[in-house]
Every structure is written in structure tokens, then in C-alpha cells.
C-alpha atoms as a PDB file:
ATOM      1  CA  MET A   1     -15.599   1.502   3.037  1.00  0.00           C
ATOM      2  CA  ARG A   2     -13.703  -0.592   0.374  1.00  0.00           C
ATOM      3  CA  ARG A   3      -9.868  -0.538   0.249  1.00  0.00           C
ATOM      4  CA  ARG A   4      -8.163   0.566  -2.884  1.00  0.00           C
ATOM      5  CA  PRO A   5      -7.247  -2.252  -5.254  1.00  0.00           C
ATOM      6  CA  GLY A   6      -3.813  -3.158  -5.799  1.00  0.00           C
ATOM      7  CA  PRO A   7      -2.111  -2.929  -9.269  1.00  0.00           C
ATOM      8  CA  ASP A   8      -3.035  -6.574 -10.016  1.00  0.00           C
ATOM      9  CA  GLN A   9      -6.563  -6.203  -9.020  1.00  0.00           C
ATOM     10  CA  LEU A  10      -6.793  -2.834 -10.822  1.00  0.00           C
ATOM     11  CA  ALA A  11      -5.510  -4.623 -14.085  1.00  0.00           C
ATOM     12  CA  LYS A  12      -7.991  -7.457 -13.697  1.00  0.00           C
ATOM     13  CA  ILE A  13     -11.000  -4.926 -13.020  1.00  0.00           C
ATOM     14  CA  LEU A  14      -9.987  -2.923 -16.065  1.00  0.00           C
ATOM     15  CA  ARG A  15      -9.737  -6.136 -18.363  1.00  0.00           C
ATOM     16  CA  GLU A  16     -13.186  -7.121 -17.138  1.00  0.00           C
ATOM     17  CA  ILE A  17     -14.657  -3.821 -18.055  1.00  0.00           C
ATOM     18  CA  GLN A  18     -12.935  -3.932 -21.415  1.00  0.00           C
ATOM     19  CA  ALA A  19     -14.426  -7.362 -21.951  1.00  0.00           C
ATOM     20  CA  ASP A  20     -17.898  -5.987 -21.197  1.00  0.00           C
ATOM     21  CA  LEU A  21     -17.235  -3.140 -23.552  1.00  0.00           C
ATOM     22  CA  GLU A  22     -16.276  -5.456 -26.380  1.00  0.00           C
ATOM     23  CA  ALA A  23     -19.429  -7.477 -25.550  1.00  0.00           C
ATOM     24  CA  GLY A  24     -21.662  -4.559 -26.446  1.00  0.00           C
ATOM     25  CA  LEU A  25     -22.077  -2.699 -22.929  1.00  0.00           C
ATOM     26  CA  ASN A  26     -21.503   1.076 -22.831  1.00  0.00           C
ATOM     27  CA  VAL A  27     -18.926   2.486 -20.503  1.00  0.00           C
ATOM     28  CA  HIS A  28     -21.694   3.366 -17.799  1.00  0.00           C
ATOM     29  CA  GLN A  29     -23.172  -0.060 -17.907  1.00  0.00           C
ATOM     30  CA  ALA A  30     -19.854  -2.048 -17.682  1.00  0.00           C
ATOM     31  CA  CYS A  31     -18.653   0.196 -14.961  1.00  0.00           C
ATOM     32  CA  ARG A  32     -21.861  -0.254 -13.036  1.00  0.00           C
ATOM     33  CA  LYS A  33     -21.620  -3.963 -13.454  1.00  0.00           C
ATOM     34  CA  ALA A  34     -18.147  -3.933 -11.977  1.00  0.00           C
ATOM     35  CA  GLY A  35     -19.276  -1.742  -9.077  1.00  0.00           C
ATOM     36  CA  TYR A  36     -17.073   1.413  -9.846  1.00  0.00           C
ATOM     37  CA  ALA A  37     -17.970   4.925 -11.019  1.00  0.00           C
ATOM     38  CA  THR A  38     -17.116   5.933 -14.677  1.00  0.00           C
ATOM     39  CA  THR A  39     -14.945   8.520 -13.318  1.00  0.00           C
ATOM     40  CA  THR A  40     -12.969   6.016 -11.465  1.00  0.00           C
ATOM     41  CA  TYR A  41     -12.511   3.795 -14.468  1.00  0.00           C
ATOM     42  CA  TYR A  42     -11.258   6.679 -16.713  1.00  0.00           C
ATOM     43  CA  ARG A  43      -8.827   7.582 -13.882  1.00  0.00           C
ATOM     44  CA  TRP A  44      -7.584   4.035 -13.561  1.00  0.00           C
ATOM     45  CA  LYS A  45      -7.461   3.697 -17.209  1.00  0.00           C
ATOM     46  CA  ALA A  46      -5.236   6.801 -17.571  1.00  0.00           C
ATOM     47  CA  LEU A  47      -2.932   5.477 -14.679  1.00  0.00           C
ATOM     48  CA  GLN A  48      -2.485   2.102 -16.614  1.00  0.00           C
ATOM     49  CA  GLU A  49      -1.696   3.862 -19.891  1.00  0.00           C
ATOM     50  CA  ASP A  50       0.894   6.194 -18.132  1.00  0.00           C
ATOM     51  CA  PRO A  51       2.804   4.462 -15.496  1.00  0.00           C
ATOM     52  CA  VAL A  52       4.993   7.585 -14.780  1.00  0.00           C
ATOM     53  CA  THR A  53       1.818   9.320 -13.480  1.00  0.00           C
ATOM     54  CA  LEU A  54       1.045   6.250 -11.320  1.00  0.00           C
ATOM     55  CA  LEU A  55       4.628   6.441  -9.846  1.00  0.00           C
ATOM     56  CA  SER A  56       4.517  10.067  -9.230  1.00  0.00           C
ATOM     57  CA  ALA A  57       1.327   9.719  -7.591  1.00  0.00           C
ATOM     58  CA  HIS A  58       2.792   6.977  -5.320  1.00  0.00           C
ATOM     59  CA  LEU A  59       5.798   9.161  -4.399  1.00  0.00           C
ATOM     60  CA  ALA A  60       3.707  12.298  -3.847  1.00  0.00           C
ATOM     61  CA  GLY A  61       1.644  10.089  -1.134  1.00  0.00           C
ATOM     62  CA  ILE A  62       4.721   8.992   0.399  1.00  0.00           C
ATOM     63  CA  ILE A  63       6.337  12.542   0.691  1.00  0.00           C
ATOM     64  CA  SER A  64       3.199  13.949   2.080  1.00  0.00           C
ATOM     65  CA  GLU A  65       3.448  11.349   4.785  1.00  0.00           C
ATOM     66  CA  LEU A  66       6.868  12.423   5.799  1.00  0.00           C
ATOM     67  CA  PRO A  67       7.401  14.465   8.940  1.00  0.00           C
ATOM     68  CA  LEU A  68       8.411  18.104   8.205  1.00  0.00           C
ATOM     69  CA  SER A  69      11.159  18.162  10.756  1.00  0.00           C
END
């Protein structure tokens, strides 16, 4: 199982996919070339466009790991 890419790696992947889109590939082809699903691409793209969502998702993960007591 692959690890989740960090923010820098995520930005790099999105730039590569954007370059493929500008070169004439469709979203499905560009994502397949990068090795990620189109759903993942759109989710990551939304997170990049809205950093508040990224922060809140990160904080929700941290909170869910806290002990209840």
C-alpha cells in the first residue's frame, strides 16, 4: 500500500497532471499516467484550492486520535 503524499509531493503531482492536461490529454488519461484515480485528483485539487478544508481535515484527524478520557 502506498503512503499518502505530503503537501509538496501532492503539489508536484497536481502540476504534472495539469501539464498533461495542457498537452492535450483528458483528465482520465492524465490521472492514469500519474497512477491515481480521477476521484483522487478532484479531491486533491479541491483541497489545494481551499486550504481551510485541508486544515480542517487535518485537525479532524488529530482530534479523532485523541483519547476520550
